[in-house]
Amino acid sequence: MSRELDSSHQRVIETFRANGGVVDPGLDLLLLHHVGARSGRERVTPLAYWRVDDTSVAVLASNRGAPKHPDWYHNLVTKPDAKTEIGTETFLARARVAVPNERSKLLRRITEQTPSVSAALKRTAREIPLVILELRTDDARLAAS
Protein backbone atom coordinates (compact mmCIF):
# COMPACT_ATOMS: atom_id res chain seq x y z
CA MET A 1 0.00 0.00 0.00
CA SER A 2 1.36 3.42 -0.89
CA ARG A 3 2.12 5.93 1.85
CA GLU A 4 -0.42 8.34 0.35
CA LEU A 5 -3.20 5.73 0.48
CA ASP A 6 -2.10 4.61 3.94
CA SER A 7 -2.28 8.23 5.15
CA SER A 8 -5.70 8.68 3.53
CA HIS A 9 -6.99 5.52 5.22
CA GLN A 10 -5.67 6.72 8.57
CA ARG A 11 -7.54 10.03 8.23
CA VAL A 12 -10.77 8.17 7.38
CA ILE A 13 -10.29 5.81 10.35
CA GLU A 14 -9.73 8.74 12.71
CA THR A 15 -12.81 10.58 11.38
CA PHE A 16 -14.89 7.38 11.59
CA ARG A 17 -14.01 6.84 15.24
CA ALA A 18 -14.34 10.52 16.21
CA ASN A 19 -17.83 10.75 14.67
CA GLY A 20 -19.40 7.49 15.85
CA GLY A 21 -18.90 5.72 12.54
CA VAL A 22 -19.95 8.55 10.23
CA VAL A 23 -17.50 9.87 7.66
CA ASP A 24 -19.84 10.83 4.81
CA PRO A 25 -23.55 10.92 5.72
CA GLY A 26 -24.45 9.53 2.27
CA LEU A 27 -22.18 6.48 2.47
CA ASP A 28 -22.16 3.60 4.93
CA LEU A 29 -18.59 2.79 5.95
CA LEU A 30 -17.17 0.08 8.14
CA LEU A 31 -13.67 -0.56 9.39
CA LEU A 32 -12.47 -4.04 8.46
CA HIS A 33 -9.79 -5.55 10.69
CA HIS A 34 -8.03 -8.32 8.75
CA VAL A 35 -4.78 -10.22 9.06
CA GLY A 36 -2.12 -10.02 6.35
CA ALA A 37 -1.87 -13.34 4.51
CA ARG A 38 1.93 -13.14 4.34
CA SER A 39 2.85 -10.72 7.12
CA GLY A 40 0.45 -11.97 9.78
CA ARG A 41 -0.02 -8.33 10.86
CA GLU A 42 -3.41 -6.83 11.59
CA ARG A 43 -4.58 -4.27 9.05
CA VAL A 44 -7.56 -1.92 9.24
CA THR A 45 -9.26 -0.89 6.01
CA PRO A 46 -12.23 1.48 5.67
CA LEU A 47 -14.79 0.10 3.19
CA ALA A 48 -18.23 1.04 1.92
CA TYR A 49 -20.77 -1.61 2.82
CA TRP A 50 -24.36 -2.58 2.09
CA ARG A 51 -26.66 -4.55 4.39
CA VAL A 52 -27.58 -8.00 3.10
CA ASP A 53 -29.82 -8.95 6.04
CA ASP A 54 -29.89 -8.57 9.82
CA THR A 55 -26.66 -10.51 10.32
CA SER A 56 -24.53 -9.81 7.25
CA VAL A 57 -23.16 -7.02 5.09
CA ALA A 58 -21.54 -6.94 1.65
CA VAL A 59 -18.35 -5.18 0.54
CA LEU A 60 -16.96 -4.88 -2.97
CA ALA A 61 -13.33 -5.71 -3.75
CA SER A 62 -13.27 -2.97 -6.39
CA ASN A 63 -9.82 -1.55 -5.57
CA ARG A 64 -11.04 1.68 -7.21
CA GLY A 65 -11.28 -0.13 -10.54
CA ALA A 66 -7.63 -1.23 -10.56
CA PRO A 67 -6.73 -4.32 -12.62
CA LYS A 68 -6.01 -6.44 -9.50
CA HIS A 69 -7.94 -7.32 -6.37
CA PRO A 70 -7.15 -5.31 -3.22
CA ASP A 71 -4.83 -6.78 -0.59
CA TRP A 72 -7.65 -7.00 1.97
CA TYR A 73 -9.53 -9.35 -0.38
CA HIS A 74 -6.57 -11.75 -0.61
CA ASN A 75 -6.15 -11.55 3.16
CA LEU A 76 -9.81 -12.52 3.74
CA VAL A 77 -9.65 -15.40 1.27
CA THR A 78 -6.66 -16.77 3.18
CA LYS A 79 -7.88 -15.84 6.68
CA PRO A 80 -11.66 -15.30 6.63
CA ASP A 81 -12.08 -14.51 10.34
CA ALA A 82 -12.19 -10.76 10.80
CA LYS A 83 -13.50 -7.99 13.00
CA THR A 84 -15.65 -5.10 11.81
CA GLU A 85 -16.48 -1.74 13.30
CA ILE A 86 -19.90 -0.54 12.19
CA GLY A 87 -21.01 2.71 13.75
CA THR A 88 -19.99 2.49 17.38
CA GLU A 89 -20.20 -1.31 17.57
CA THR A 90 -17.58 -3.94 16.86
CA PHE A 91 -18.46 -7.42 15.59
CA LEU A 92 -16.60 -10.62 14.90
CA ALA A 93 -17.20 -11.65 11.30
CA ARG A 94 -16.59 -14.52 8.92
CA ALA A 95 -15.91 -13.53 5.31
CA ARG A 96 -16.95 -15.46 2.22
CA VAL A 97 -17.06 -14.62 -1.46
CA ALA A 98 -20.61 -14.41 -2.81
CA VAL A 99 -21.57 -17.21 -5.19
CA PRO A 100 -22.46 -16.08 -8.77
CA ASN A 101 -26.26 -16.08 -8.32
CA GLU A 102 -26.04 -14.23 -5.02
CA ARG A 103 -23.47 -11.79 -6.46
CA SER A 104 -25.72 -10.87 -9.42
CA LYS A 105 -28.76 -10.27 -7.24
CA LEU A 106 -26.88 -8.19 -4.66
CA LEU A 107 -24.94 -6.24 -7.28
CA ARG A 108 -28.20 -5.17 -8.95
CA ARG A 109 -29.47 -3.88 -5.61
CA ILE A 110 -26.16 -2.17 -4.78
CA THR A 111 -25.93 -0.36 -8.13
CA GLU A 112 -29.53 0.84 -7.72
CA GLN A 113 -28.75 2.18 -4.23
CA THR A 114 -25.31 3.55 -5.13
CA PRO A 115 -25.03 4.53 -8.81
CA SER A 116 -21.30 5.36 -8.48
CA VAL A 117 -20.65 1.61 -8.07
CA SER A 118 -21.53 1.11 -11.76
CA ALA A 119 -18.65 3.39 -12.74
CA ALA A 120 -16.18 1.38 -10.61
CA LEU A 121 -17.43 -1.85 -12.19
CA LYS A 122 -16.84 -0.43 -15.67
CA ARG A 123 -13.27 0.77 -14.91
CA THR A 124 -11.84 -2.74 -14.97
CA ALA A 125 -12.14 -5.87 -17.09
CA ARG A 126 -11.83 -8.15 -14.06
CA GLU A 127 -14.88 -9.45 -12.24
CA ILE A 128 -15.02 -7.55 -8.98
CA PRO A 129 -15.64 -9.94 -6.09
CA LEU A 130 -18.48 -9.27 -3.71
CA VAL A 131 -17.57 -10.36 -0.18
CA ILE A 132 -20.19 -11.18 2.42
CA LEU A 133 -19.24 -10.52 6.03
CA GLU A 134 -21.39 -12.68 8.27
CA LEU A 135 -21.56 -10.87 11.60
CA ARG A 136 -21.67 -13.06 14.66
CA THR A 137 -24.45 -11.92 16.94
CA ASP A 138 -24.11 -14.54 19.71
CA ASP A 139 -21.89 -12.67 22.16
CA ALA A 140 -19.95 -11.25 19.21
CA ARG A 141 -20.33 -7.62 20.14
CA LEU A 142 -17.00 -6.47 21.48
CA ALA A 143 -15.93 -3.26 23.09
CA ALA A 144 -14.91 -0.84 20.35
CA SER A 145 -11.16 -0.60 20.16
C-alpha atoms as a PDB file:
ATOM      1  CA  MET A   1       0.000   0.000   0.000  1.00  0.00           C
ATOM      2  CA  SER A   2       1.359   3.418  -0.891  1.00  0.00           C
ATOM      3  CA  ARG A   3       2.120   5.927   1.850  1.00  0.00           C
ATOM      4  CA  GLU A   4      -0.422   8.341   0.347  1.00  0.00           C
ATOM      5  CA  LEU A   5      -3.203   5.731   0.480  1.00  0.00           C
ATOM      6  CA  ASP A   6      -2.105   4.610   3.943  1.00  0.00           C
ATOM      7  CA  SER A   7      -2.277   8.225   5.150  1.00  0.00           C
ATOM      8  CA  SER A   8      -5.701   8.684   3.526  1.00  0.00           C
ATOM      9  CA  HIS A   9      -6.986   5.517   5.220  1.00  0.00           C
ATOM     10  CA  GLN A  10      -5.666   6.721   8.571  1.00  0.00           C
ATOM     11  CA  ARG A  11      -7.538  10.033   8.226  1.00  0.00           C
ATOM     12  CA  VAL A  12     -10.771   8.174   7.380  1.00  0.00           C
ATOM     13  CA  ILE A  13     -10.291   5.808  10.345  1.00  0.00           C
ATOM     14  CA  GLU A  14      -9.729   8.738  12.708  1.00  0.00           C
ATOM     15  CA  THR A  15     -12.810  10.582  11.384  1.00  0.00           C
ATOM     16  CA  PHE A  16     -14.893   7.381  11.592  1.00  0.00           C
ATOM     17  CA  ARG A  17     -14.010   6.840  15.244  1.00  0.00           C
ATOM     18  CA  ALA A  18     -14.339  10.519  16.209  1.00  0.00           C
ATOM     19  CA  ASN A  19     -17.828  10.748  14.671  1.00  0.00           C
ATOM     20  CA  GLY A  20     -19.398   7.494  15.847  1.00  0.00           C
ATOM     21  CA  GLY A  21     -18.902   5.717  12.540  1.00  0.00           C
ATOM     22  CA  VAL A  22     -19.948   8.550  10.235  1.00  0.00           C
ATOM     23  CA  VAL A  23     -17.496   9.872   7.660  1.00  0.00           C
ATOM     24  CA  ASP A  24     -19.843  10.828   4.814  1.00  0.00           C
ATOM     25  CA  PRO A  25     -23.554  10.918   5.716  1.00  0.00           C
ATOM     26  CA  GLY A  26     -24.455   9.530   2.269  1.00  0.00           C
ATOM     27  CA  LEU A  27     -22.181   6.479   2.475  1.00  0.00           C
ATOM     28  CA  ASP A  28     -22.161   3.597   4.932  1.00  0.00           C
ATOM     29  CA  LEU A  29     -18.591   2.789   5.950  1.00  0.00           C
ATOM     30  CA  LEU A  30     -17.169   0.085   8.141  1.00  0.00           C
ATOM     31  CA  LEU A  31     -13.667  -0.562   9.387  1.00  0.00           C
ATOM     32  CA  LEU A  32     -12.469  -4.035   8.459  1.00  0.00           C
ATOM     33  CA  HIS A  33      -9.787  -5.548  10.689  1.00  0.00           C
ATOM     34  CA  HIS A  34      -8.035  -8.316   8.755  1.00  0.00           C
ATOM     35  CA  VAL A  35      -4.782 -10.224   9.063  1.00  0.00           C
ATOM     36  CA  GLY A  36      -2.120 -10.016   6.355  1.00  0.00           C
ATOM     37  CA  ALA A  37      -1.872 -13.338   4.511  1.00  0.00           C
ATOM     38  CA  ARG A  38       1.929 -13.137   4.344  1.00  0.00           C
ATOM     39  CA  SER A  39       2.855 -10.724   7.119  1.00  0.00           C
ATOM     40  CA  GLY A  40       0.446 -11.969   9.778  1.00  0.00           C
ATOM     41  CA  ARG A  41      -0.016  -8.333  10.858  1.00  0.00           C
ATOM     42  CA  GLU A  42      -3.414  -6.830  11.588  1.00  0.00           C
ATOM     43  CA  ARG A  43      -4.577  -4.274   9.055  1.00  0.00           C
ATOM     44  CA  VAL A  44      -7.560  -1.919   9.243  1.00  0.00           C
ATOM     45  CA  THR A  45      -9.264  -0.887   6.014  1.00  0.00           C
ATOM     46  CA  PRO A  46     -12.234   1.479   5.666  1.00  0.00           C
ATOM     47  CA  LEU A  47     -14.787   0.101   3.191  1.00  0.00           C
ATOM     48  CA  ALA A  48     -18.230   1.044   1.919  1.00  0.00           C
ATOM     49  CA  TYR A  49     -20.771  -1.610   2.823  1.00  0.00           C
ATOM     50  CA  TRP A  50     -24.358  -2.584   2.094  1.00  0.00           C
ATOM     51  CA  ARG A  51     -26.665  -4.555   4.391  1.00  0.00           C
ATOM     52  CA  VAL A  52     -27.577  -7.999   3.105  1.00  0.00           C
ATOM     53  CA  ASP A  53     -29.816  -8.949   6.036  1.00  0.00           C
ATOM     54  CA  ASP A  54     -29.891  -8.572   9.819  1.00  0.00           C
ATOM     55  CA  THR A  55     -26.664 -10.508  10.316  1.00  0.00           C
ATOM     56  CA  SER A  56     -24.535  -9.810   7.248  1.00  0.00           C
ATOM     57  CA  VAL A  57     -23.163  -7.025   5.089  1.00  0.00           C
ATOM     58  CA  ALA A  58     -21.536  -6.941   1.654  1.00  0.00           C
ATOM     59  CA  VAL A  59     -18.352  -5.178   0.543  1.00  0.00           C
ATOM     60  CA  LEU A  60     -16.959  -4.881  -2.975  1.00  0.00           C
ATOM     61  CA  ALA A  61     -13.333  -5.705  -3.749  1.00  0.00           C
ATOM     62  CA  SER A  62     -13.266  -2.965  -6.392  1.00  0.00           C
ATOM     63  CA  ASN A  63      -9.822  -1.549  -5.572  1.00  0.00           C
ATOM     64  CA  ARG A  64     -11.037   1.679  -7.208  1.00  0.00           C
ATOM     65  CA  GLY A  65     -11.283  -0.133 -10.544  1.00  0.00           C
ATOM     66  CA  ALA A  66      -7.627  -1.228 -10.561  1.00  0.00           C
ATOM     67  CA  PRO A  67      -6.727  -4.325 -12.615  1.00  0.00           C
ATOM     68  CA  LYS A  68      -6.010  -6.440  -9.504  1.00  0.00           C
ATOM     69  CA  HIS A  69      -7.938  -7.319  -6.367  1.00  0.00           C
ATOM     70  CA  PRO A  70      -7.154  -5.305  -3.220  1.00  0.00           C
ATOM     71  CA  ASP A  71      -4.832  -6.778  -0.591  1.00  0.00           C
ATOM     72  CA  TRP A  72      -7.650  -7.002   1.969  1.00  0.00           C
ATOM     73  CA  TYR A  73      -9.529  -9.354  -0.376  1.00  0.00           C
ATOM     74  CA  HIS A  74      -6.571 -11.746  -0.614  1.00  0.00           C
ATOM     75  CA  ASN A  75      -6.154 -11.548   3.164  1.00  0.00           C
ATOM     76  CA  LEU A  76      -9.806 -12.517   3.744  1.00  0.00           C
ATOM     77  CA  VAL A  77      -9.653 -15.398   1.273  1.00  0.00           C
ATOM     78  CA  THR A  78      -6.656 -16.767   3.184  1.00  0.00           C
ATOM     79  CA  LYS A  79      -7.876 -15.844   6.684  1.00  0.00           C
ATOM     80  CA  PRO A  80     -11.661 -15.296   6.632  1.00  0.00           C
ATOM     81  CA  ASP A  81     -12.081 -14.507  10.336  1.00  0.00           C
ATOM     82  CA  ALA A  82     -12.187 -10.762  10.805  1.00  0.00           C
ATOM     83  CA  LYS A  83     -13.503  -7.989  13.005  1.00  0.00           C
ATOM     84  CA  THR A  84     -15.650  -5.099  11.806  1.00  0.00           C
ATOM     85  CA  GLU A  85     -16.480  -1.739  13.296  1.00  0.00           C
ATOM     86  CA  ILE A  86     -19.899  -0.537  12.187  1.00  0.00           C
ATOM     87  CA  GLY A  87     -21.009   2.715  13.749  1.00  0.00           C
ATOM     88  CA  THR A  88     -19.991   2.490  17.378  1.00  0.00           C
ATOM     89  CA  GLU A  89     -20.200  -1.312  17.572  1.00  0.00           C
ATOM     90  CA  THR A  90     -17.577  -3.940  16.863  1.00  0.00           C
ATOM     91  CA  PHE A  91     -18.461  -7.416  15.590  1.00  0.00           C
ATOM     92  CA  LEU A  92     -16.602 -10.618  14.900  1.00  0.00           C
ATOM     93  CA  ALA A  93     -17.199 -11.655  11.300  1.00  0.00           C
ATOM     94  CA  ARG A  94     -16.595 -14.520   8.917  1.00  0.00           C
ATOM     95  CA  ALA A  95     -15.914 -13.531   5.308  1.00  0.00           C
ATOM     96  CA  ARG A  96     -16.948 -15.455   2.224  1.00  0.00           C
ATOM     97  CA  VAL A  97     -17.057 -14.624  -1.458  1.00  0.00           C
ATOM     98  CA  ALA A  98     -20.614 -14.413  -2.809  1.00  0.00           C
ATOM     99  CA  VAL A  99     -21.574 -17.213  -5.193  1.00  0.00           C
ATOM    100  CA  PRO A 100     -22.459 -16.084  -8.770  1.00  0.00           C
ATOM    101  CA  ASN A 101     -26.256 -16.082  -8.320  1.00  0.00           C
ATOM    102  CA  GLU A 102     -26.045 -14.228  -5.023  1.00  0.00           C
ATOM    103  CA  ARG A 103     -23.472 -11.786  -6.456  1.00  0.00           C
ATOM    104  CA  SER A 104     -25.717 -10.872  -9.418  1.00  0.00           C
ATOM    105  CA  LYS A 105     -28.758 -10.270  -7.242  1.00  0.00           C
ATOM    106  CA  LEU A 106     -26.875  -8.190  -4.665  1.00  0.00           C
ATOM    107  CA  LEU A 107     -24.942  -6.241  -7.283  1.00  0.00           C
ATOM    108  CA  ARG A 108     -28.198  -5.174  -8.951  1.00  0.00           C
ATOM    109  CA  ARG A 109     -29.471  -3.882  -5.611  1.00  0.00           C
ATOM    110  CA  ILE A 110     -26.160  -2.168  -4.779  1.00  0.00           C
ATOM    111  CA  THR A 111     -25.925  -0.355  -8.129  1.00  0.00           C
ATOM    112  CA  GLU A 112     -29.529   0.842  -7.721  1.00  0.00           C
ATOM    113  CA  GLN A 113     -28.752   2.176  -4.231  1.00  0.00           C
ATOM    114  CA  THR A 114     -25.308   3.554  -5.132  1.00  0.00           C
ATOM    115  CA  PRO A 115     -25.031   4.534  -8.814  1.00  0.00           C
ATOM    116  CA  SER A 116     -21.302   5.357  -8.481  1.00  0.00           C
ATOM    117  CA  VAL A 117     -20.648   1.613  -8.068  1.00  0.00           C
ATOM    118  CA  SER A 118     -21.530   1.114 -11.761  1.00  0.00           C
ATOM    119  CA  ALA A 119     -18.646   3.390 -12.735  1.00  0.00           C
ATOM    120  CA  ALA A 120     -16.184   1.376 -10.612  1.00  0.00           C
ATOM    121  CA  LEU A 121     -17.433  -1.854 -12.186  1.00  0.00           C
ATOM    122  CA  LYS A 122     -16.840  -0.431 -15.670  1.00  0.00           C
ATOM    123  CA  ARG A 123     -13.272   0.769 -14.912  1.00  0.00           C
ATOM    124  CA  THR A 124     -11.841  -2.741 -14.966  1.00  0.00           C
ATOM    125  CA  ALA A 125     -12.142  -5.869 -17.089  1.00  0.00           C
ATOM    126  CA  ARG A 126     -11.830  -8.150 -14.062  1.00  0.00           C
ATOM    127  CA  GLU A 127     -14.878  -9.448 -12.237  1.00  0.00           C
ATOM    128  CA  ILE A 128     -15.018  -7.546  -8.979  1.00  0.00           C
ATOM    129  CA  PRO A 129     -15.641  -9.936  -6.095  1.00  0.00           C
ATOM    130  CA  LEU A 130     -18.480  -9.274  -3.706  1.00  0.00           C
ATOM    131  CA  VAL A 131     -17.569 -10.356  -0.182  1.00  0.00           C
ATOM    132  CA  ILE A 132     -20.193 -11.183   2.416  1.00  0.00           C
ATOM    133  CA  LEU A 133     -19.245 -10.523   6.026  1.00  0.00           C
ATOM    134  CA  GLU A 134     -21.388 -12.685   8.272  1.00  0.00           C
ATOM    135  CA  LEU A 135     -21.559 -10.866  11.596  1.00  0.00           C
ATOM    136  CA  ARG A 136     -21.671 -13.061  14.661  1.00  0.00           C
ATOM    137  CA  THR A 137     -24.445 -11.924  16.943  1.00  0.00           C
ATOM    138  CA  ASP A 138     -24.107 -14.537  19.707  1.00  0.00           C
ATOM    139  CA  ASP A 139     -21.888 -12.672  22.157  1.00  0.00           C
ATOM    140  CA  ALA A 140     -19.955 -11.255  19.209  1.00  0.00           C
ATOM    141  CA  ARG A 141     -20.327  -7.616  20.139  1.00  0.00           C
ATOM    142  CA  LEU A 142     -17.000  -6.468  21.476  1.00  0.00           C
ATOM    143  CA  ALA A 143     -15.931  -3.259  23.094  1.00  0.00           C
ATOM    144  CA  ALA A 144     -14.911  -0.842  20.347  1.00  0.00           C
ATOM    145  CA  SER A 145     -11.159  -0.600  20.156  1.00  0.00           C
END
